[in-house]
Amino acid sequence: MPTLKEHDYGPSRSHLREETTKKCGDFHEIYWVNGSCYRGHWWKDKKDGLGEQRDADGYRYYGVWSRNKKHGYGILKKQDAIYDRLDLLYEGQWRNGKQHGLGIGFLPNGTYYEGEYRSGVRSGWGTMMHNNGCQTSGQWLADRMHGFGTWYNSNGNYYVGEFRDGKFDGRGAYVMPNRGKVLEGVWTANQFFSGLSMGLNEPPAQPGGVDLTEELMEEEKGTAKKERYFCSYIN
């Protein structure tokens, strides 16, 4: 009567041979057919540890990897084909291939953001310095100011209060030192909805809500351009 033969169910020879062919440890440079290359540490055929990758489209990343993804501290740059230089795009923390944690990001127009990122977008507390002299600082959500924050204009005007989707929205005060005036109250989508209008050197107006539409039109009569109480945020 036939009997079952005992078998060794461990890894087969072909599997063991395949494992030995996988990249593991330090390699000088590995090239791909599209022109990209990587130099650094590998683990079981995946980029894992400290390494540098140069992509064919000009992007360069130097930092920590985990299972083929940027994970940890790293620096991202891009080659400028016109001026033949490397422009810094981001320096800071990464998680699963996206900016996550504290970092500083640069835009080609000179604007930069320093603060918290979550899953590749500005979220948390941070400050953005705009190339036109404006500065926004406070809470961010999904790449826009959302929550409490401040905005400073290069002409000296500033806003302190609540934001929603990158706009003045909620309770806040807009101060115009050069005009000696303050708008304090409730804002909706960058528009002053209700509140108090007062001079910096004058007693505050009586509460009850003030409609500033006609007042502002009277003040701006004869001027070439009406002042606008908002700043466009750069993504």
C-alpha atoms as a PDB file:
ATOM      1  CA  MET A   1       0.000   0.000   0.000  1.00  0.00           C
ATOM      2  CA  PRO A   2       1.484   3.363  -0.984  1.00  0.00           C
ATOM      3  CA  THR A   3       2.345   5.744   1.794  1.00  0.00           C
ATOM      4  CA  LEU A   4       2.699   9.484   1.868  1.00  0.00           C
ATOM      5  CA  LYS A   5       6.281  10.616   1.651  1.00  0.00           C
ATOM      6  CA  GLU A   6       7.466  13.303   3.980  1.00  0.00           C
ATOM      7  CA  HIS A   7       8.163  16.517   2.112  1.00  0.00           C
ATOM      8  CA  ASP A   8      10.263  19.546   2.959  1.00  0.00           C
ATOM      9  CA  TYR A   9       7.927  22.522   2.497  1.00  0.00           C
ATOM     10  CA  GLY A  10      10.683  25.131   2.915  1.00  0.00           C
ATOM     11  CA  PRO A  11      11.644  27.603   0.159  1.00  0.00           C
ATOM     12  CA  SER A  12      12.385  26.010  -3.176  1.00  0.00           C
ATOM     13  CA  ARG A  13      15.788  26.320  -4.831  1.00  0.00           C
ATOM     14  CA  SER A  14      14.359  28.564  -7.517  1.00  0.00           C
ATOM     15  CA  HIS A  15      12.891  30.867  -4.879  1.00  0.00           C
ATOM     16  CA  LEU A  16      16.181  31.042  -3.002  1.00  0.00           C
ATOM     17  CA  ARG A  17      18.004  31.767  -6.248  1.00  0.00           C
ATOM     18  CA  GLU A  18      15.523  34.554  -7.033  1.00  0.00           C
ATOM     19  CA  GLU A  19      16.028  36.094  -3.597  1.00  0.00           C
ATOM     20  CA  THR A  20      19.781  36.316  -4.190  1.00  0.00           C
ATOM     21  CA  THR A  21      19.204  38.358  -7.357  1.00  0.00           C
ATOM     22  CA  LYS A  22      17.267  41.089  -5.562  1.00  0.00           C
ATOM     23  CA  LYS A  23      19.050  44.348  -4.842  1.00  0.00           C
ATOM     24  CA  CYS A  24      19.904  44.534  -1.177  1.00  0.00           C
ATOM     25  CA  GLY A  25      22.426  46.786   0.538  1.00  0.00           C
ATOM     26  CA  ASP A  26      24.445  49.634  -0.981  1.00  0.00           C
ATOM     27  CA  PHE A  27      24.670  50.081  -4.733  1.00  0.00           C
ATOM     28  CA  HIS A  28      26.516  52.737  -6.667  1.00  0.00           C
ATOM     29  CA  GLU A  29      23.933  53.642  -9.311  1.00  0.00           C
ATOM     30  CA  ILE A  30      20.938  51.952 -10.891  1.00  0.00           C
ATOM     31  CA  TYR A  31      19.615  53.301 -14.213  1.00  0.00           C
ATOM     32  CA  TRP A  32      16.195  52.966 -15.831  1.00  0.00           C
ATOM     33  CA  VAL A  33      15.434  53.078 -19.537  1.00  0.00           C
ATOM     34  CA  ASN A  34      13.673  56.462 -19.197  1.00  0.00           C
ATOM     35  CA  GLY A  35      16.916  58.105 -18.048  1.00  0.00           C
ATOM     36  CA  SER A  36      16.223  58.197 -14.298  1.00  0.00           C
ATOM     37  CA  CYS A  37      18.778  56.831 -11.854  1.00  0.00           C
ATOM     38  CA  TYR A  38      19.059  56.023  -8.173  1.00  0.00           C
ATOM     39  CA  ARG A  39      22.032  55.728  -5.886  1.00  0.00           C
ATOM     40  CA  GLY A  40      21.682  54.591  -2.328  1.00  0.00           C
ATOM     41  CA  HIS A  41      20.473  51.793  -0.108  1.00  0.00           C
ATOM     42  CA  TRP A  42      18.164  48.953  -1.110  1.00  0.00           C
ATOM     43  CA  TRP A  43      16.272  46.278   0.750  1.00  0.00           C
ATOM     44  CA  LYS A  44      14.691  43.345  -1.105  1.00  0.00           C
ATOM     45  CA  ASP A  45      14.622  45.121  -4.457  1.00  0.00           C
ATOM     46  CA  LYS A  46      13.127  48.321  -3.036  1.00  0.00           C
ATOM     47  CA  LYS A  47      14.662  51.704  -2.252  1.00  0.00           C
ATOM     48  CA  ASP A  48      14.963  51.681   1.510  1.00  0.00           C
ATOM     49  CA  GLY A  49      17.248  53.874   3.597  1.00  0.00           C
ATOM     50  CA  LEU A  50      19.312  56.869   2.540  1.00  0.00           C
ATOM     51  CA  GLY A  51      19.491  57.517  -1.185  1.00  0.00           C
ATOM     52  CA  GLU A  52      19.356  59.990  -4.060  1.00  0.00           C
ATOM     53  CA  GLN A  53      17.142  59.729  -7.122  1.00  0.00           C
ATOM     54  CA  ARG A  54      17.506  61.801 -10.281  1.00  0.00           C
ATOM     55  CA  ASP A  55      14.474  61.741 -12.548  1.00  0.00           C
ATOM     56  CA  ALA A  56      14.569  62.306 -16.276  1.00  0.00           C
ATOM     57  CA  ASP A  57      12.275  65.348 -15.956  1.00  0.00           C
ATOM     58  CA  GLY A  58      14.815  67.201 -13.787  1.00  0.00           C
ATOM     59  CA  TYR A  59      13.566  66.408 -10.274  1.00  0.00           C
ATOM     60  CA  ARG A  60      16.114  65.303  -7.667  1.00  0.00           C
ATOM     61  CA  TYR A  61      15.383  63.913  -4.253  1.00  0.00           C
ATOM     62  CA  TYR A  62      17.961  63.223  -1.589  1.00  0.00           C
ATOM     63  CA  GLY A  63      16.863  61.753   1.702  1.00  0.00           C
ATOM     64  CA  VAL A  64      15.310  58.760   3.411  1.00  0.00           C
ATOM     65  CA  TRP A  65      13.268  56.112   1.595  1.00  0.00           C
ATOM     66  CA  SER A  66      11.003  53.314   2.770  1.00  0.00           C
ATOM     67  CA  ARG A  67       9.736  50.630   0.383  1.00  0.00           C
ATOM     68  CA  ASN A  68      10.273  52.765  -2.726  1.00  0.00           C
ATOM     69  CA  LYS A  69       8.626  55.875  -1.223  1.00  0.00           C
ATOM     70  CA  LYS A  70      10.049  59.066   0.235  1.00  0.00           C
ATOM     71  CA  HIS A  71       9.661  58.599   3.954  1.00  0.00           C
ATOM     72  CA  GLY A  72      11.480  60.665   6.578  1.00  0.00           C
ATOM     73  CA  TYR A  73      13.634  63.753   6.088  1.00  0.00           C
ATOM     74  CA  GLY A  74      14.405  64.724   2.511  1.00  0.00           C
ATOM     75  CA  ILE A  75      15.174  67.505   0.043  1.00  0.00           C
ATOM     76  CA  LEU A  76      13.458  67.907  -3.323  1.00  0.00           C
ATOM     77  CA  LYS A  77      15.027  70.042  -6.068  1.00  0.00           C
ATOM     78  CA  LYS A  78      14.484  70.576  -9.783  1.00  0.00           C
ATOM     79  CA  GLN A  79      16.951  71.324 -12.546  1.00  0.00           C
ATOM     80  CA  ASP A  80      16.324  74.664 -14.270  1.00  0.00           C
ATOM     81  CA  ALA A  81      17.058  74.043 -17.936  1.00  0.00           C
ATOM     82  CA  ILE A  82      17.241  77.755 -18.802  1.00  0.00           C
ATOM     83  CA  TYR A  83      19.663  78.906 -16.103  1.00  0.00           C
ATOM     84  CA  ASP A  84      21.316  75.493 -15.583  1.00  0.00           C
ATOM     85  CA  ARG A  85      20.809  75.482 -11.818  1.00  0.00           C
ATOM     86  CA  LEU A  86      19.057  73.438  -9.156  1.00  0.00           C
ATOM     87  CA  ASP A  87      16.060  75.173  -7.581  1.00  0.00           C
ATOM     88  CA  LEU A  88      15.001  74.066  -4.102  1.00  0.00           C
ATOM     89  CA  LEU A  89      11.326  73.046  -4.038  1.00  0.00           C
ATOM     90  CA  TYR A  90      10.887  71.444  -0.618  1.00  0.00           C
ATOM     91  CA  GLU A  91      12.922  70.558   2.435  1.00  0.00           C
ATOM     92  CA  GLY A  92      11.441  68.738   5.382  1.00  0.00           C
ATOM     93  CA  GLN A  93       9.529  65.645   6.450  1.00  0.00           C
ATOM     94  CA  TRP A  94       7.891  63.075   4.155  1.00  0.00           C
ATOM     95  CA  ARG A  95       5.531  60.165   4.710  1.00  0.00           C
ATOM     96  CA  ASN A  96       4.523  57.571   2.102  1.00  0.00           C
ATOM     97  CA  GLY A  97       5.862  59.693  -0.743  1.00  0.00           C
ATOM     98  CA  LYS A  98       4.179  62.976   0.270  1.00  0.00           C
ATOM     99  CA  GLN A  99       5.173  65.997   2.325  1.00  0.00           C
ATOM    100  CA  HIS A 100       4.007  65.336   5.858  1.00  0.00           C
ATOM    101  CA  GLY A 101       5.144  67.110   9.010  1.00  0.00           C
ATOM    102  CA  LEU A 102       7.277  70.225   9.287  1.00  0.00           C
ATOM    103  CA  GLY A 103       8.811  71.596   6.110  1.00  0.00           C
ATOM    104  CA  ILE A 104       9.451  74.575   3.902  1.00  0.00           C
ATOM    105  CA  GLY A 105       8.205  74.762   0.330  1.00  0.00           C
ATOM    106  CA  PHE A 106       9.214  77.186  -2.423  1.00  0.00           C
ATOM    107  CA  LEU A 107       7.275  78.364  -5.494  1.00  0.00           C
ATOM    108  CA  PRO A 108       8.955  79.478  -8.737  1.00  0.00           C
ATOM    109  CA  ASN A 109       7.690  83.056  -8.277  1.00  0.00           C
ATOM    110  CA  GLY A 110       9.606  83.515  -5.011  1.00  0.00           C
ATOM    111  CA  THR A 111       6.738  82.827  -2.601  1.00  0.00           C
ATOM    112  CA  TYR A 112       7.514  80.302   0.126  1.00  0.00           C
ATOM    113  CA  TYR A 113       5.658  78.526   2.927  1.00  0.00           C
ATOM    114  CA  GLU A 114       7.123  77.309   6.198  1.00  0.00           C
ATOM    115  CA  GLY A 115       5.066  75.167   8.530  1.00  0.00           C
ATOM    116  CA  GLU A 116       3.064  71.959   8.726  1.00  0.00           C
ATOM    117  CA  TYR A 117       2.063  69.638   5.883  1.00  0.00           C
ATOM    118  CA  ARG A 118      -0.350  66.732   5.846  1.00  0.00           C
ATOM    119  CA  SER A 119      -0.481  64.236   2.981  1.00  0.00           C
ATOM    120  CA  GLY A 120       1.191  66.628   0.559  1.00  0.00           C
ATOM    121  CA  VAL A 121      -0.791  69.810   1.273  1.00  0.00           C
ATOM    122  CA  ARG A 122      -0.381  72.727   3.666  1.00  0.00           C
ATOM    123  CA  SER A 123      -2.366  71.834   6.791  1.00  0.00           C
ATOM    124  CA  GLY A 124      -1.724  72.847  10.380  1.00  0.00           C
ATOM    125  CA  TRP A 125       0.123  75.953  11.526  1.00  0.00           C
ATOM    126  CA  GLY A 126       2.311  77.833   9.082  1.00  0.00           C
ATOM    127  CA  THR A 127       3.457  81.105   7.541  1.00  0.00           C
ATOM    128  CA  MET A 128       3.534  82.058   3.880  1.00  0.00           C
ATOM    129  CA  MET A 129       5.690  84.901   2.565  1.00  0.00           C
ATOM    130  CA  HIS A 130       4.307  86.153  -0.737  1.00  0.00           C
ATOM    131  CA  ASN A 131       6.486  87.634  -3.446  1.00  0.00           C
ATOM    132  CA  ASN A 132       4.361  90.823  -3.422  1.00  0.00           C
ATOM    133  CA  GLY A 133       5.219  91.597   0.205  1.00  0.00           C
ATOM    134  CA  CYS A 134       2.085  90.109   1.795  1.00  0.00           C
ATOM    135  CA  GLN A 135       2.422  87.682   4.689  1.00  0.00           C
ATOM    136  CA  THR A 136      -0.152  85.184   5.942  1.00  0.00           C
ATOM    137  CA  SER A 137       0.311  83.284   9.164  1.00  0.00           C
ATOM    138  CA  GLY A 138      -1.982  80.985  11.111  1.00  0.00           C
ATOM    139  CA  GLN A 139      -3.992  77.812  10.686  1.00  0.00           C
ATOM    140  CA  TRP A 140      -4.132  76.048   7.314  1.00  0.00           C
ATOM    141  CA  LEU A 141      -6.350  73.312   5.927  1.00  0.00           C
ATOM    142  CA  ALA A 142      -6.081  71.700   2.470  1.00  0.00           C
ATOM    143  CA  ASP A 143      -3.642  74.337   1.146  1.00  0.00           C
ATOM    144  CA  ARG A 144      -5.692  77.347   2.319  1.00  0.00           C
ATOM    145  CA  MET A 145      -5.891  79.537   5.413  1.00  0.00           C
ATOM    146  CA  HIS A 146      -8.666  78.100   7.562  1.00  0.00           C
ATOM    147  CA  GLY A 147      -9.140  79.037  11.209  1.00  0.00           C
ATOM    148  CA  PHE A 148      -7.454  81.833  13.130  1.00  0.00           C
ATOM    149  CA  GLY A 149      -4.693  83.803  11.441  1.00  0.00           C
ATOM    150  CA  THR A 150      -3.202  87.115  10.389  1.00  0.00           C
ATOM    151  CA  TRP A 151      -2.589  88.781   7.045  1.00  0.00           C
ATOM    152  CA  TYR A 152      -0.168  91.677   6.541  1.00  0.00           C
ATOM    153  CA  ASN A 153      -0.109  93.842   3.428  1.00  0.00           C
ATOM    154  CA  SER A 154       3.022  95.577   2.177  1.00  0.00           C
ATOM    155  CA  ASN A 155       1.217  98.959   2.501  1.00  0.00           C
ATOM    156  CA  GLY A 156       0.900  98.517   6.286  1.00  0.00           C
ATOM    157  CA  ASN A 157      -2.701  97.322   6.457  1.00  0.00           C
ATOM    158  CA  TYR A 158      -3.379  94.070   8.290  1.00  0.00           C
ATOM    159  CA  TYR A 159      -6.176  91.702   9.258  1.00  0.00           C
ATOM    160  CA  VAL A 160      -6.426  89.623  12.437  1.00  0.00           C
ATOM    161  CA  GLY A 161      -9.209  87.101  12.815  1.00  0.00           C
ATOM    162  CA  GLU A 162     -10.900  84.070  11.319  1.00  0.00           C
ATOM    163  CA  PHE A 163     -10.408  82.605   7.839  1.00  0.00           C
ATOM    164  CA  ARG A 164     -12.383  80.093   5.821  1.00  0.00           C
ATOM    165  CA  ASP A 165     -11.149  78.595   2.537  1.00  0.00           C
ATOM    166  CA  GLY A 166      -8.435  81.255   2.267  1.00  0.00           C
ATOM    167  CA  LYS A 167     -10.763  84.241   2.771  1.00  0.00           C
ATOM    168  CA  PHE A 168     -11.652  86.596   5.614  1.00  0.00           C
ATOM    169  CA  ASP A 169     -14.651  84.818   7.064  1.00  0.00           C
ATOM    170  CA  GLY A 170     -15.895  85.017  10.659  1.00  0.00           C
ATOM    171  CA  ARG A 171     -14.960  87.510  13.347  1.00  0.00           C
ATOM    172  CA  GLY A 172     -11.984  89.724  12.608  1.00  0.00           C
ATOM    173  CA  ALA A 173     -10.508  93.212  12.488  1.00  0.00           C
ATOM    174  CA  TYR A 174      -9.002  94.979   9.492  1.00  0.00           C
ATOM    175  CA  VAL A 175      -6.660  97.813  10.494  1.00  0.00           C
ATOM    176  CA  MET A 176      -5.597 100.635   8.166  1.00  0.00           C
ATOM    177  CA  PRO A 177      -2.923 102.643  10.058  1.00  0.00           C
ATOM    178  CA  ASN A 178      -2.330 105.127   7.252  1.00  0.00           C
ATOM    179  CA  ARG A 179      -6.018 106.038   7.186  1.00  0.00           C
ATOM    180  CA  GLY A 180      -6.497 105.822  10.946  1.00  0.00           C
ATOM    181  CA  LYS A 181      -9.378 103.404  10.590  1.00  0.00           C
ATOM    182  CA  VAL A 182     -10.457  99.967  11.837  1.00  0.00           C
ATOM    183  CA  LEU A 183     -13.182  97.653  10.547  1.00  0.00           C
ATOM    184  CA  GLU A 184     -14.046  95.185  13.296  1.00  0.00           C
ATOM    185  CA  GLY A 185     -16.851  92.664  13.213  1.00  0.00           C
ATOM    186  CA  VAL A 186     -18.103  89.820  11.052  1.00  0.00           C
ATOM    187  CA  TRP A 187     -16.665  89.066   7.603  1.00  0.00           C
ATOM    188  CA  THR A 188     -18.097  86.882   4.853  1.00  0.00           C
ATOM    189  CA  ALA A 189     -15.960  85.815   1.867  1.00  0.00           C
ATOM    190  CA  ASN A 190     -13.608  88.834   2.151  1.00  0.00           C
ATOM    191  CA  GLN A 191     -16.511  91.269   2.547  1.00  0.00           C
ATOM    192  CA  PHE A 192     -17.187  93.242   5.738  1.00  0.00           C
ATOM    193  CA  PHE A 193     -20.659  92.074   6.711  1.00  0.00           C
ATOM    194  CA  SER A 194     -21.449  93.816   9.992  1.00  0.00           C
ATOM    195  CA  GLY A 195     -19.723  95.377  12.976  1.00  0.00           C
ATOM    196  CA  LEU A 196     -18.007  98.607  13.973  1.00  0.00           C
ATOM    197  CA  SER A 197     -16.196 101.221  11.955  1.00  0.00           C
ATOM    198  CA  MET A 198     -13.988 103.448  14.073  1.00  0.00           C
ATOM    199  CA  GLY A 199     -11.001 105.763  13.882  1.00  0.00           C
ATOM    200  CA  LEU A 200      -7.864 104.806  15.754  1.00  0.00           C
ATOM    201  CA  ASN A 201      -7.889 108.098  17.635  1.00  0.00           C
ATOM    202  CA  GLU A 202     -11.655 108.375  18.038  1.00  0.00           C
ATOM    203  CA  PRO A 203     -14.119 106.783  20.495  1.00  0.00           C
ATOM    204  CA  PRO A 204     -15.646 103.555  19.132  1.00  0.00           C
ATOM    205  CA  ALA A 205     -18.981 103.712  17.377  1.00  0.00           C
ATOM    206  CA  GLN A 206     -22.102 102.537  19.192  1.00  0.00           C
ATOM    207  CA  PRO A 207     -22.775  98.818  18.843  1.00  0.00           C
ATOM    208  CA  GLY A 208     -25.654  97.605  16.747  1.00  0.00           C
ATOM    209  CA  GLY A 209     -24.036  96.981  13.384  1.00  0.00           C
ATOM    210  CA  VAL A 210     -22.818  99.448  10.778  1.00  0.00           C
ATOM    211  CA  ASP A 211     -23.400  99.241   7.055  1.00  0.00           C
ATOM    212  CA  LEU A 212     -20.202 100.571   5.508  1.00  0.00           C
ATOM    213  CA  THR A 213     -21.264 100.450   1.885  1.00  0.00           C
ATOM    214  CA  GLU A 214     -22.392 104.085   1.536  1.00  0.00           C
ATOM    215  CA  GLU A 215     -19.722 105.346   3.929  1.00  0.00           C
ATOM    216  CA  LEU A 216     -16.902 103.779   1.932  1.00  0.00           C
ATOM    217  CA  MET A 217     -18.346 105.050  -1.332  1.00  0.00           C
ATOM    218  CA  GLU A 218     -18.415 108.586   0.053  1.00  0.00           C
ATOM    219  CA  GLU A 219     -14.828 108.371   1.234  1.00  0.00           C
ATOM    220  CA  GLU A 220     -13.622 106.996  -2.088  1.00  0.00           C
ATOM    221  CA  LYS A 221     -15.313 109.598  -4.290  1.00  0.00           C
ATOM    222  CA  GLY A 222     -12.761 111.276  -6.508  1.00  0.00           C
ATOM    223  CA  THR A 223     -10.132 108.595  -6.056  1.00  0.00           C
ATOM    224  CA  ALA A 224      -8.686 106.745  -9.020  1.00  0.00           C
ATOM    225  CA  LYS A 225      -8.974 103.325  -7.479  1.00  0.00           C
ATOM    226  CA  LYS A 226     -11.120 101.978  -4.670  1.00  0.00           C
ATOM    227  CA  GLU A 227      -9.233 100.159  -1.928  1.00  0.00           C
ATOM    228  CA  ARG A 228     -10.054  96.474  -1.664  1.00  0.00           C
ATOM    229  CA  TYR A 229      -9.986  94.674   1.666  1.00  0.00           C
ATOM    230  CA  PHE A 230      -8.559  91.360   0.652  1.00  0.00           C
ATOM    231  CA  CYS A 231      -5.473  89.677  -0.741  1.00  0.00           C
ATOM    232  CA  SER A 232      -5.365  86.780  -3.196  1.00  0.00           C
ATOM    233  CA  TYR A 233      -3.606  83.752  -1.785  1.00  0.00           C
ATOM    234  CA  ILE A 234      -1.142  81.918  -3.970  1.00  0.00           C
ATOM    235  CA  ASN A 235      -1.403  78.146  -4.171  1.00  0.00           C
END
